[in-house]
Amino acid sequence: MRGRACLRDLAVILVLTALGGAMINSPAVMAAASSPEVLSMNRSDEGAIKLGADARAIPLEGDALGKIADRAGGRRVYLVLDDVQAKEPPGILYDVFLDTKVVASGDADRSRPIGHLNFFELKKRLLSFDVTDRVEGLAAQQPPGRKLVVTIAPSISENTRLNPAQQRELNEAGVTLAKVRLVRQ
């Protein structure tokens, strides 16, 4: 499959070159021609990742921060969430954090979220967040070999607590995702 994708991309470039090369420097063509480099991902044997009323920590494998030091010609780094879905809309946003530690919902010193899961308007099951600045900042602050952790938690203020009915609703909404990847493209 991967070989076919490379051949397809090469064919697009050759056709554009034959037509005068006007589009050859376009970002869309260049992005299609360069394959994303997977820097890190969650364990593949973990199965579906279930979200509910509590913060969910998803550790990423490998030394992604060590790989970030080389910016590789201005390529960007994205956190990709695959196959995001819910049986029922949970009625709340989820905050997505990327750090070297688990981020708890009530942490006053927690980092800012890198994005949100919005099930009110979820149209795509594959979501990506540009985390280039975040991982470069972490790479500059952390010693080599530190692992990254993605934490996904209900978006509530630090002084707010979910009541039992809200917790049950979130736990029964069937919110899942298949895989979490950190890629450079």
C-alpha atoms as a PDB file:
ATOM      1  CA  MET A   1       0.000   0.000   0.000  1.00  0.00           C
ATOM      2  CA  ARG A   2       2.716   2.453   0.938  1.00  0.00           C
ATOM      3  CA  GLY A   3       4.498   1.809  -2.370  1.00  0.00           C
ATOM      4  CA  ARG A   4       1.326   2.651  -4.285  1.00  0.00           C
ATOM      5  CA  ALA A   5       0.928   5.922  -2.395  1.00  0.00           C
ATOM      6  CA  CYS A   6       4.513   6.910  -3.240  1.00  0.00           C
ATOM      7  CA  LEU A   7       3.972   6.015  -6.892  1.00  0.00           C
ATOM      8  CA  ARG A   8       0.746   8.060  -6.919  1.00  0.00           C
ATOM      9  CA  ASP A   9       2.546  11.073  -5.447  1.00  0.00           C
ATOM     10  CA  LEU A  10       5.370  10.690  -7.947  1.00  0.00           C
ATOM     11  CA  ALA A  11       2.824  10.496 -10.790  1.00  0.00           C
ATOM     12  CA  VAL A  12       1.183  13.741  -9.589  1.00  0.00           C
ATOM     13  CA  ILE A  13       4.541  15.500  -9.525  1.00  0.00           C
ATOM     14  CA  LEU A  14       5.462  14.224 -13.001  1.00  0.00           C
ATOM     15  CA  VAL A  15       2.130  15.326 -14.478  1.00  0.00           C
ATOM     16  CA  LEU A  16       2.452  18.767 -12.916  1.00  0.00           C
ATOM     17  CA  THR A  17       6.007  19.071 -14.189  1.00  0.00           C
ATOM     18  CA  ALA A  18       4.866  18.112 -17.697  1.00  0.00           C
ATOM     19  CA  LEU A  19       2.156  20.796 -17.515  1.00  0.00           C
ATOM     20  CA  GLY A  20       4.719  23.475 -16.873  1.00  0.00           C
ATOM     21  CA  GLY A  21       5.455  22.951 -13.200  1.00  0.00           C
ATOM     22  CA  ALA A  22       3.298  25.871 -12.123  1.00  0.00           C
ATOM     23  CA  MET A  23       1.999  23.957  -9.120  1.00  0.00           C
ATOM     24  CA  ILE A  24       5.168  22.047  -8.202  1.00  0.00           C
ATOM     25  CA  ASN A  25       6.062  24.455  -5.380  1.00  0.00           C
ATOM     26  CA  SER A  26       2.573  24.535  -3.912  1.00  0.00           C
ATOM     27  CA  PRO A  27       2.421  23.510  -0.233  1.00  0.00           C
ATOM     28  CA  ALA A  28      -0.341  20.981  -0.976  1.00  0.00           C
ATOM     29  CA  VAL A  29       1.763  19.156  -3.561  1.00  0.00           C
ATOM     30  CA  MET A  30       4.862  19.262  -1.392  1.00  0.00           C
ATOM     31  CA  ALA A  31       2.892  17.936   1.602  1.00  0.00           C
ATOM     32  CA  ALA A  32       1.512  15.097  -0.519  1.00  0.00           C
ATOM     33  CA  ALA A  33       5.016  14.281  -1.761  1.00  0.00           C
ATOM     34  CA  SER A  34       6.525  14.042   1.731  1.00  0.00           C
ATOM     35  CA  SER A  35       5.443  11.139   3.885  1.00  0.00           C
ATOM     36  CA  PRO A  36       4.762  11.869   7.530  1.00  0.00           C
ATOM     37  CA  GLU A  37       7.360  10.607   9.972  1.00  0.00           C
ATOM     38  CA  VAL A  38       5.822   8.917  13.016  1.00  0.00           C
ATOM     39  CA  LEU A  39       7.763  10.195  16.024  1.00  0.00           C
ATOM     40  CA  SER A  40       5.755   8.377  18.667  1.00  0.00           C
ATOM     41  CA  MET A  41       2.458   6.600  19.285  1.00  0.00           C
ATOM     42  CA  ASN A  42       0.532   4.817  22.001  1.00  0.00           C
ATOM     43  CA  ARG A  43       0.934   1.070  22.479  1.00  0.00           C
ATOM     44  CA  SER A  44      -0.772  -0.752  19.628  1.00  0.00           C
ATOM     45  CA  ASP A  45      -2.005  -3.586  21.856  1.00  0.00           C
ATOM     46  CA  GLU A  46      -4.043  -1.226  24.020  1.00  0.00           C
ATOM     47  CA  GLY A  47      -7.253  -1.493  21.949  1.00  0.00           C
ATOM     48  CA  ALA A  48      -9.887   1.234  21.889  1.00  0.00           C
ATOM     49  CA  ILE A  49      -9.093   4.134  24.198  1.00  0.00           C
ATOM     50  CA  LYS A  50     -12.207   4.958  26.224  1.00  0.00           C
ATOM     51  CA  LEU A  51     -12.940   8.437  27.515  1.00  0.00           C
ATOM     52  CA  GLY A  52     -15.364   9.245  30.299  1.00  0.00           C
ATOM     53  CA  ALA A  53     -15.797  11.476  33.319  1.00  0.00           C
ATOM     54  CA  ASP A  54     -12.183  11.167  34.506  1.00  0.00           C
ATOM     55  CA  ALA A  55      -8.993  12.413  32.879  1.00  0.00           C
ATOM     56  CA  ARG A  56      -7.451   9.722  30.658  1.00  0.00           C
ATOM     57  CA  ALA A  57      -3.662   9.565  30.357  1.00  0.00           C
ATOM     58  CA  ILE A  58      -2.251   8.021  27.180  1.00  0.00           C
ATOM     59  CA  PRO A  59       1.533   7.512  27.329  1.00  0.00           C
ATOM     60  CA  LEU A  60       3.388   7.709  24.038  1.00  0.00           C
ATOM     61  CA  GLU A  61       6.167   5.228  23.278  1.00  0.00           C
ATOM     62  CA  GLY A  62       9.725   6.186  22.336  1.00  0.00           C
ATOM     63  CA  ASP A  63      11.876   9.276  22.716  1.00  0.00           C
ATOM     64  CA  ALA A  64       9.888  11.796  20.673  1.00  0.00           C
ATOM     65  CA  LEU A  65      11.490  14.766  22.425  1.00  0.00           C
ATOM     66  CA  GLY A  66      14.941  13.541  21.381  1.00  0.00           C
ATOM     67  CA  LYS A  67      13.761  13.440  17.765  1.00  0.00           C
ATOM     68  CA  ILE A  68      12.290  16.942  17.985  1.00  0.00           C
ATOM     69  CA  ALA A  69      15.687  18.619  18.454  1.00  0.00           C
ATOM     70  CA  ASP A  70      16.256  18.334  14.702  1.00  0.00           C
ATOM     71  CA  ARG A  71      13.513  20.496  13.169  1.00  0.00           C
ATOM     72  CA  ALA A  72      14.063  18.727   9.794  1.00  0.00           C
ATOM     73  CA  GLY A  73      13.775  21.656   7.433  1.00  0.00           C
ATOM     74  CA  GLY A  74      10.845  23.457   9.015  1.00  0.00           C
ATOM     75  CA  ARG A  75       8.499  20.474   9.093  1.00  0.00           C
ATOM     76  CA  ARG A  76       5.632  20.743  11.559  1.00  0.00           C
ATOM     77  CA  VAL A  77       4.695  18.282  14.330  1.00  0.00           C
ATOM     78  CA  TYR A  78       1.082  17.138  14.734  1.00  0.00           C
ATOM     79  CA  LEU A  79      -0.752  15.148  17.375  1.00  0.00           C
ATOM     80  CA  VAL A  80      -3.156  12.885  15.483  1.00  0.00           C
ATOM     81  CA  LEU A  81      -6.161  11.194  17.087  1.00  0.00           C
ATOM     82  CA  ASP A  82      -7.485   8.338  14.932  1.00  0.00           C
ATOM     83  CA  ASP A  83     -11.080   7.119  14.716  1.00  0.00           C
ATOM     84  CA  VAL A  84     -12.594   9.500  17.289  1.00  0.00           C
ATOM     85  CA  GLN A  85     -16.248   8.658  17.878  1.00  0.00           C
ATOM     86  CA  ALA A  86     -19.089   8.641  20.385  1.00  0.00           C
ATOM     87  CA  LYS A  87     -22.220   6.514  20.579  1.00  0.00           C
ATOM     88  CA  GLU A  88     -23.983   9.585  21.969  1.00  0.00           C
ATOM     89  CA  PRO A  89     -22.721  13.178  22.148  1.00  0.00           C
ATOM     90  CA  PRO A  90     -21.355  13.547  25.689  1.00  0.00           C
ATOM     91  CA  GLY A  91     -22.661  17.102  26.050  1.00  0.00           C
ATOM     92  CA  ILE A  92     -19.249  18.473  27.023  1.00  0.00           C
ATOM     93  CA  LEU A  93     -15.944  19.398  25.407  1.00  0.00           C
ATOM     94  CA  TYR A  94     -12.802  17.436  26.227  1.00  0.00           C
ATOM     95  CA  ASP A  95      -9.461  19.238  26.674  1.00  0.00           C
ATOM     96  CA  VAL A  96      -6.405  17.630  25.055  1.00  0.00           C
ATOM     97  CA  PHE A  97      -3.051  18.132  26.802  1.00  0.00           C
ATOM     98  CA  LEU A  98       0.473  17.136  25.746  1.00  0.00           C
ATOM     99  CA  ASP A  99       3.124  17.089  28.456  1.00  0.00           C
ATOM    100  CA  THR A 100       5.767  14.917  30.103  1.00  0.00           C
ATOM    101  CA  LYS A 101       3.428  14.204  33.012  1.00  0.00           C
ATOM    102  CA  VAL A 102      -0.212  13.315  33.509  1.00  0.00           C
ATOM    103  CA  VAL A 103      -2.368  16.428  33.721  1.00  0.00           C
ATOM    104  CA  ALA A 104      -5.130  16.175  36.330  1.00  0.00           C
ATOM    105  CA  SER A 105      -8.382  18.104  35.910  1.00  0.00           C
ATOM    106  CA  GLY A 106      -7.845  20.121  39.096  1.00  0.00           C
ATOM    107  CA  ASP A 107      -4.162  21.007  38.577  1.00  0.00           C
ATOM    108  CA  ALA A 108      -3.780  24.752  39.069  1.00  0.00           C
ATOM    109  CA  ASP A 109      -0.361  24.670  37.367  1.00  0.00           C
ATOM    110  CA  ARG A 110      -1.426  22.503  34.418  1.00  0.00           C
ATOM    111  CA  SER A 111      -0.364  23.464  30.937  1.00  0.00           C
ATOM    112  CA  ARG A 112      -2.785  24.998  28.479  1.00  0.00           C
ATOM    113  CA  PRO A 113      -4.662  22.481  26.344  1.00  0.00           C
ATOM    114  CA  ILE A 114      -3.324  21.992  22.829  1.00  0.00           C
ATOM    115  CA  GLY A 115      -6.877  21.567  21.588  1.00  0.00           C
ATOM    116  CA  HIS A 116     -10.375  20.330  22.288  1.00  0.00           C
ATOM    117  CA  LEU A 117     -12.583  17.443  21.255  1.00  0.00           C
ATOM    118  CA  ASN A 118     -15.917  18.918  20.238  1.00  0.00           C
ATOM    119  CA  PHE A 119     -18.622  16.301  19.749  1.00  0.00           C
ATOM    120  CA  PHE A 120     -21.260  18.929  19.002  1.00  0.00           C
ATOM    121  CA  GLU A 121     -19.846  19.338  15.490  1.00  0.00           C
ATOM    122  CA  LEU A 122     -17.669  16.252  15.021  1.00  0.00           C
ATOM    123  CA  LYS A 123     -17.584  15.623  11.280  1.00  0.00           C
ATOM    124  CA  LYS A 124     -14.206  13.911  10.900  1.00  0.00           C
ATOM    125  CA  ARG A 125     -13.101  10.874  12.805  1.00  0.00           C
ATOM    126  CA  LEU A 126      -9.428  11.787  12.372  1.00  0.00           C
ATOM    127  CA  LEU A 127      -8.369  14.900  14.276  1.00  0.00           C
ATOM    128  CA  SER A 128      -4.985  16.599  14.273  1.00  0.00           C
ATOM    129  CA  PHE A 129      -3.477  19.422  16.299  1.00  0.00           C
ATOM    130  CA  ASP A 130      -0.332  21.373  15.384  1.00  0.00           C
ATOM    131  CA  VAL A 131       1.883  20.894  18.458  1.00  0.00           C
ATOM    132  CA  THR A 132       5.193  22.063  17.003  1.00  0.00           C
ATOM    133  CA  ASP A 133       5.693  24.933  19.438  1.00  0.00           C
ATOM    134  CA  ARG A 134       4.598  22.826  22.406  1.00  0.00           C
ATOM    135  CA  VAL A 135       6.970  19.903  21.754  1.00  0.00           C
ATOM    136  CA  GLU A 136       9.868  22.193  20.910  1.00  0.00           C
ATOM    137  CA  GLY A 137       9.302  23.984  24.227  1.00  0.00           C
ATOM    138  CA  LEU A 138       9.167  20.673  26.090  1.00  0.00           C
ATOM    139  CA  ALA A 139      12.294  19.424  24.293  1.00  0.00           C
ATOM    140  CA  ALA A 140      14.178  22.554  25.369  1.00  0.00           C
ATOM    141  CA  GLN A 141      13.088  22.184  29.025  1.00  0.00           C
ATOM    142  CA  GLN A 142      13.327  18.427  29.572  1.00  0.00           C
ATOM    143  CA  PRO A 143      16.309  16.080  29.773  1.00  0.00           C
ATOM    144  CA  PRO A 144      16.680  13.570  26.914  1.00  0.00           C
ATOM    145  CA  GLY A 145      14.650  10.391  27.164  1.00  0.00           C
ATOM    146  CA  ARG A 146      11.538  11.891  28.814  1.00  0.00           C
ATOM    147  CA  LYS A 147       8.336  10.328  27.527  1.00  0.00           C
ATOM    148  CA  LEU A 148       5.322  12.313  26.374  1.00  0.00           C
ATOM    149  CA  VAL A 149       1.853  11.809  27.795  1.00  0.00           C
ATOM    150  CA  VAL A 150      -1.396  12.855  26.132  1.00  0.00           C
ATOM    151  CA  THR A 151      -4.129  13.577  28.665  1.00  0.00           C
ATOM    152  CA  ILE A 152      -7.739  13.976  27.571  1.00  0.00           C
ATOM    153  CA  ALA A 153     -10.123  15.292  30.233  1.00  0.00           C
ATOM    154  CA  PRO A 154     -13.587  16.825  30.412  1.00  0.00           C
ATOM    155  CA  SER A 155     -13.301  20.577  29.959  1.00  0.00           C
ATOM    156  CA  ILE A 156     -14.317  21.894  33.365  1.00  0.00           C
ATOM    157  CA  SER A 157     -12.809  24.585  35.552  1.00  0.00           C
ATOM    158  CA  GLU A 158     -10.555  23.574  38.414  1.00  0.00           C
ATOM    159  CA  ASN A 159     -13.242  24.446  40.992  1.00  0.00           C
ATOM    160  CA  THR A 160     -16.037  22.516  39.247  1.00  0.00           C
ATOM    161  CA  ARG A 161     -16.992  18.954  40.107  1.00  0.00           C
ATOM    162  CA  LEU A 162     -19.236  16.739  38.022  1.00  0.00           C
ATOM    163  CA  ASN A 163     -22.281  15.421  39.867  1.00  0.00           C
ATOM    164  CA  PRO A 164     -22.981  11.644  39.771  1.00  0.00           C
ATOM    165  CA  ALA A 165     -25.567  11.986  36.973  1.00  0.00           C
ATOM    166  CA  GLN A 166     -23.084  13.929  34.796  1.00  0.00           C
ATOM    167  CA  GLN A 167     -20.350  11.370  35.513  1.00  0.00           C
ATOM    168  CA  ARG A 168     -22.650   8.514  34.539  1.00  0.00           C
ATOM    169  CA  GLU A 169     -23.705  10.325  31.338  1.00  0.00           C
ATOM    170  CA  LEU A 170     -20.078  10.860  30.298  1.00  0.00           C
ATOM    171  CA  ASN A 171     -19.092   7.285  31.144  1.00  0.00           C
ATOM    172  CA  GLU A 172     -22.018   5.898  29.123  1.00  0.00           C
ATOM    173  CA  ALA A 173     -21.589   8.153  26.065  1.00  0.00           C
ATOM    174  CA  GLY A 174     -19.242   5.612  24.478  1.00  0.00           C
ATOM    175  CA  VAL A 175     -16.497   8.100  23.567  1.00  0.00           C
ATOM    176  CA  THR A 176     -13.522   6.253  22.084  1.00  0.00           C
ATOM    177  CA  LEU A 177     -10.503   6.722  19.865  1.00  0.00           C
ATOM    178  CA  ALA A 178      -8.359   4.064  18.246  1.00  0.00           C
ATOM    179  CA  LYS A 179      -4.842   5.470  18.252  1.00  0.00           C
ATOM    180  CA  VAL A 180      -2.772   8.496  19.204  1.00  0.00           C
ATOM    181  CA  ARG A 181       0.241   9.423  17.070  1.00  0.00           C
ATOM    182  CA  LEU A 182       2.809  12.199  17.030  1.00  0.00           C
ATOM    183  CA  VAL A 183       3.923  12.826  13.447  1.00  0.00           C
ATOM    184  CA  ARG A 184       6.217  15.244  11.663  1.00  0.00           C
ATOM    185  CA  GLN A 185       5.293  16.422   8.199  1.00  0.00           C
END
